[in-house]
């Protein structure tokens, strides 16, 4: 068997397998059709449909360039980054040498709002703070207020970066996820 590539406008459009005894344009096919065929039996790598042919060399098509992300996709990526940053449990140093861990997610912020009211009314009272890892730390009402303020400040710093990134996405000056990652996100 011999393998033949049919070329049209410099591109492989068909691959044919013929018995070795058949000669295109003589034993099979019209001479005009046979003129579009190139024997590729020994060509390695074997050309495929869609490859180009310049009369001497076959070449695979270039890998397609990925489409640029849309503004909606970039904004979704930025928002996911915000969510990921807020979900990380961070250490916060409180007065009296106490330190605790907390994330800055919406449920935690809701808890901290409640604790702020309690802590403001009961600054010397204590309660157990259970972090994301199950570590229990006794904190005072005053420390609960300070923790809430620190977590809120961190969350606001994350949203402040989003507030600079989102207009860049909408305005077309931020066009890649790498540009979003390069923003001055807090750590």
Protein backbone atom coordinates (compact mmCIF):
# COMPACT_ATOMS: atom_id res chain seq x y z
CA UNK A 1 0.00 0.00 0.00
CA UNK A 2 1.07 3.52 -0.77
CA UNK A 3 -0.27 6.60 0.98
CA UNK A 4 -1.05 9.72 -0.99
CA UNK A 5 -1.97 13.21 0.17
CA UNK A 6 -4.32 15.22 -2.00
CA UNK A 7 -3.23 18.87 -2.00
CA UNK A 8 -5.53 21.79 -2.68
CA UNK A 9 -4.27 25.38 -2.43
CA UNK A 10 -1.21 24.19 -0.51
CA UNK A 11 -3.19 22.27 2.12
CA UNK A 12 -3.68 18.53 2.60
CA UNK A 13 -7.41 17.95 2.10
CA UNK A 14 -7.49 14.16 1.84
CA UNK A 15 -5.31 11.11 2.59
CA UNK A 16 -5.66 8.11 0.27
CA UNK A 17 -4.31 4.58 0.53
CA UNK A 18 -3.78 2.79 -2.77
CA UNK A 19 -2.40 -0.60 -3.68
CA UNK A 20 1.30 -0.24 -4.49
CA UNK A 21 0.66 -1.57 -8.02
CA UNK A 22 -1.67 1.34 -8.86
CA UNK A 23 -0.20 4.53 -10.29
CA UNK A 24 -2.45 7.60 -10.02
CA UNK A 25 -3.22 9.12 -13.43
CA UNK A 26 -2.27 5.85 -15.19
CA UNK A 27 -4.07 2.98 -13.48
CA UNK A 28 -6.52 5.00 -11.40
CA UNK A 29 -7.86 8.57 -11.39
CA UNK A 30 -7.69 11.14 -14.13
CA UNK A 31 -4.35 12.83 -14.81
CA UNK A 32 -5.79 16.15 -13.56
CA UNK A 33 -6.79 14.58 -10.24
CA UNK A 34 -3.52 12.65 -10.01
CA UNK A 35 -1.64 15.95 -10.36
CA UNK A 36 -3.06 16.97 -6.95
CA UNK A 37 -1.60 13.89 -5.24
CA UNK A 38 1.76 13.57 -3.48
CA UNK A 39 3.15 10.20 -2.41
CA UNK A 40 3.69 10.42 1.37
CA UNK A 41 4.31 6.73 2.04
CA UNK A 42 7.80 7.38 3.43
CA UNK A 43 7.24 10.90 4.81
CA UNK A 44 7.70 11.09 8.56
CA UNK A 45 5.84 12.27 10.41
CA UNK A 46 2.96 11.32 8.17
CA UNK A 47 1.07 14.41 6.96
CA UNK A 48 -2.51 14.78 8.13
CA UNK A 49 -5.51 16.61 6.72
CA UNK A 50 -5.04 20.31 7.40
CA UNK A 51 -1.24 20.26 7.10
CA UNK A 52 0.37 22.64 4.62
CA UNK A 53 2.56 21.67 1.68
CA UNK A 54 4.89 24.12 -0.07
CA UNK A 55 5.84 21.78 -2.91
CA UNK A 56 8.70 20.25 -0.90
CA UNK A 57 7.89 20.13 2.80
CA UNK A 58 4.78 19.25 4.81
CA UNK A 59 4.10 21.19 8.01
CA UNK A 60 1.58 20.71 10.77
CA UNK A 61 -0.68 23.69 11.31
CA UNK A 62 0.34 26.09 14.06
CA UNK A 63 -1.39 25.53 17.37
CA UNK A 64 -4.42 27.76 17.58
CA UNK A 65 -3.98 30.89 19.65
CA UNK A 66 -6.29 30.72 22.63
CA UNK A 67 -9.01 33.31 22.57
CA UNK A 68 -8.45 36.27 24.85
CA UNK A 69 -10.66 36.12 27.93
CA UNK A 70 -13.75 38.29 27.86
CA UNK A 71 -14.30 41.09 30.35
CA UNK A 72 -16.92 38.92 32.07
CA UNK A 73 -14.43 36.05 32.40
CA UNK A 74 -11.76 38.39 33.76
CA UNK A 75 -14.16 39.88 36.30
CA UNK A 76 -15.21 36.37 37.37
CA UNK A 77 -11.52 35.49 37.78
CA UNK A 78 -10.92 38.63 39.87
CA UNK A 79 -13.93 37.87 42.04
CA UNK A 80 -12.75 34.29 42.52
CA UNK A 81 -9.38 35.67 43.58
CA UNK A 82 -11.12 37.88 46.14
CA UNK A 83 -13.05 34.88 47.46
CA UNK A 84 -9.87 32.82 47.73
CA UNK A 85 -8.01 35.58 49.56
CA UNK A 86 -10.86 36.10 52.02
CA UNK A 87 -11.12 32.35 52.67
CA UNK A 88 -7.52 31.98 53.84
CA UNK A 89 -7.24 31.79 57.61
CA UNK A 90 -4.75 34.43 58.81
CA UNK A 91 -3.20 35.08 62.17
CA UNK A 92 -4.19 38.20 64.08
CA UNK A 93 -2.27 39.46 67.11
CA UNK A 94 -4.53 40.76 69.86
CA UNK A 95 -3.75 42.62 73.06
CA UNK A 96 -2.22 40.73 75.97
CA UNK A 97 -0.10 38.54 73.70
CA UNK A 98 -3.10 36.58 72.42
CA UNK A 99 -3.17 35.60 68.77
CA UNK A 100 -5.95 33.89 66.87
CA UNK A 101 -6.64 32.81 63.31
CA UNK A 102 -9.61 33.90 61.26
CA UNK A 103 -10.72 34.01 57.67
CA UNK A 104 -12.53 37.05 56.30
CA UNK A 105 -15.47 35.35 54.60
CA UNK A 106 -19.01 36.71 54.81
CA UNK A 107 -20.14 34.17 57.46
CA UNK A 108 -17.13 35.01 59.64
CA UNK A 109 -17.76 38.73 59.20
CA UNK A 110 -21.38 38.19 60.25
CA UNK A 111 -20.15 36.39 63.40
CA UNK A 112 -17.70 39.20 64.10
CA UNK A 113 -20.43 41.84 63.82
CA UNK A 114 -22.34 40.02 66.54
CA UNK A 115 -19.19 39.67 68.62
CA UNK A 116 -18.50 43.38 68.17
CA UNK A 117 -21.83 44.21 69.82
CA UNK A 118 -21.19 41.70 72.58
CA UNK A 119 -17.57 42.82 73.06
CA UNK A 120 -18.49 46.49 73.18
CA UNK A 121 -21.03 45.77 75.93
CA UNK A 122 -18.79 43.27 77.74
CA UNK A 123 -15.14 44.28 77.19
CA UNK A 124 -13.77 42.30 80.15
CA UNK A 125 -15.90 39.18 79.68
CA UNK A 126 -14.37 36.17 77.87
CA UNK A 127 -15.57 33.67 75.35
CA UNK A 128 -13.99 30.86 73.36
CA UNK A 129 -12.87 31.72 69.82
CA UNK A 130 -12.71 28.59 67.65
CA UNK A 131 -10.61 29.08 64.51
CA UNK A 132 -10.88 27.26 61.18
CA UNK A 133 -8.55 24.53 62.46
CA UNK A 134 -10.51 23.84 65.65
CA UNK A 135 -8.08 25.67 67.92
CA UNK A 136 -9.93 27.22 70.85
CA UNK A 137 -8.60 30.47 72.33
CA UNK A 138 -10.22 32.43 75.13
CA UNK A 139 -10.63 36.08 74.10
CA UNK A 140 -12.10 39.06 75.89
CA UNK A 141 -14.87 41.25 74.58
CA UNK A 142 -12.33 43.97 73.86
CA UNK A 143 -10.20 41.49 71.92
CA UNK A 144 -13.29 40.36 69.98
CA UNK A 145 -13.88 43.97 68.93
CA UNK A 146 -10.21 44.34 67.90
CA UNK A 147 -10.36 41.06 65.96
CA UNK A 148 -13.46 42.21 64.11
CA UNK A 149 -11.80 45.49 63.20
CA UNK A 150 -8.63 43.73 61.99
CA UNK A 151 -10.54 41.21 59.87
CA UNK A 152 -12.70 43.99 58.45
CA UNK A 153 -9.58 46.02 57.60
CA UNK A 154 -8.07 43.05 55.77
CA UNK A 155 -11.29 42.43 53.83
CA UNK A 156 -11.48 46.10 52.90
CA UNK A 157 -7.88 45.99 51.64
CA UNK A 158 -8.81 43.07 49.35
CA UNK A 159 -11.88 44.88 48.04
CA UNK A 160 -9.84 48.06 47.55
CA UNK A 161 -7.67 46.19 45.04
CA UNK A 162 -10.76 44.79 43.32
CA UNK A 163 -12.02 48.38 43.11
CA UNK A 164 -8.92 49.22 41.01
CA UNK A 165 -8.95 46.01 38.97
CA UNK A 166 -12.64 46.03 37.95
CA UNK A 167 -12.51 49.41 36.15
CA UNK A 168 -9.32 48.29 34.40
CA UNK A 169 -11.14 45.22 33.12
CA UNK A 170 -14.15 47.28 32.01
CA UNK A 171 -11.91 49.88 30.37
CA UNK A 172 -9.78 47.33 28.53
CA UNK A 173 -6.49 48.13 30.27
CA UNK A 174 -6.54 44.79 32.12
CA UNK A 175 -6.91 42.03 29.53
CA UNK A 176 -5.25 38.98 31.09
CA UNK A 177 -5.44 36.94 34.28
CA UNK A 178 -1.72 37.62 34.72
CA UNK A 179 -2.48 41.35 34.93
CA UNK A 180 -5.09 40.61 37.61
CA UNK A 181 -2.59 38.49 39.53
CA UNK A 182 -0.02 41.29 39.27
CA UNK A 183 -2.29 43.75 41.08
CA UNK A 184 -1.21 44.76 44.59
CA UNK A 185 -3.31 42.15 46.41
CA UNK A 186 -2.70 41.97 50.16
CA UNK A 187 -1.00 38.89 51.51
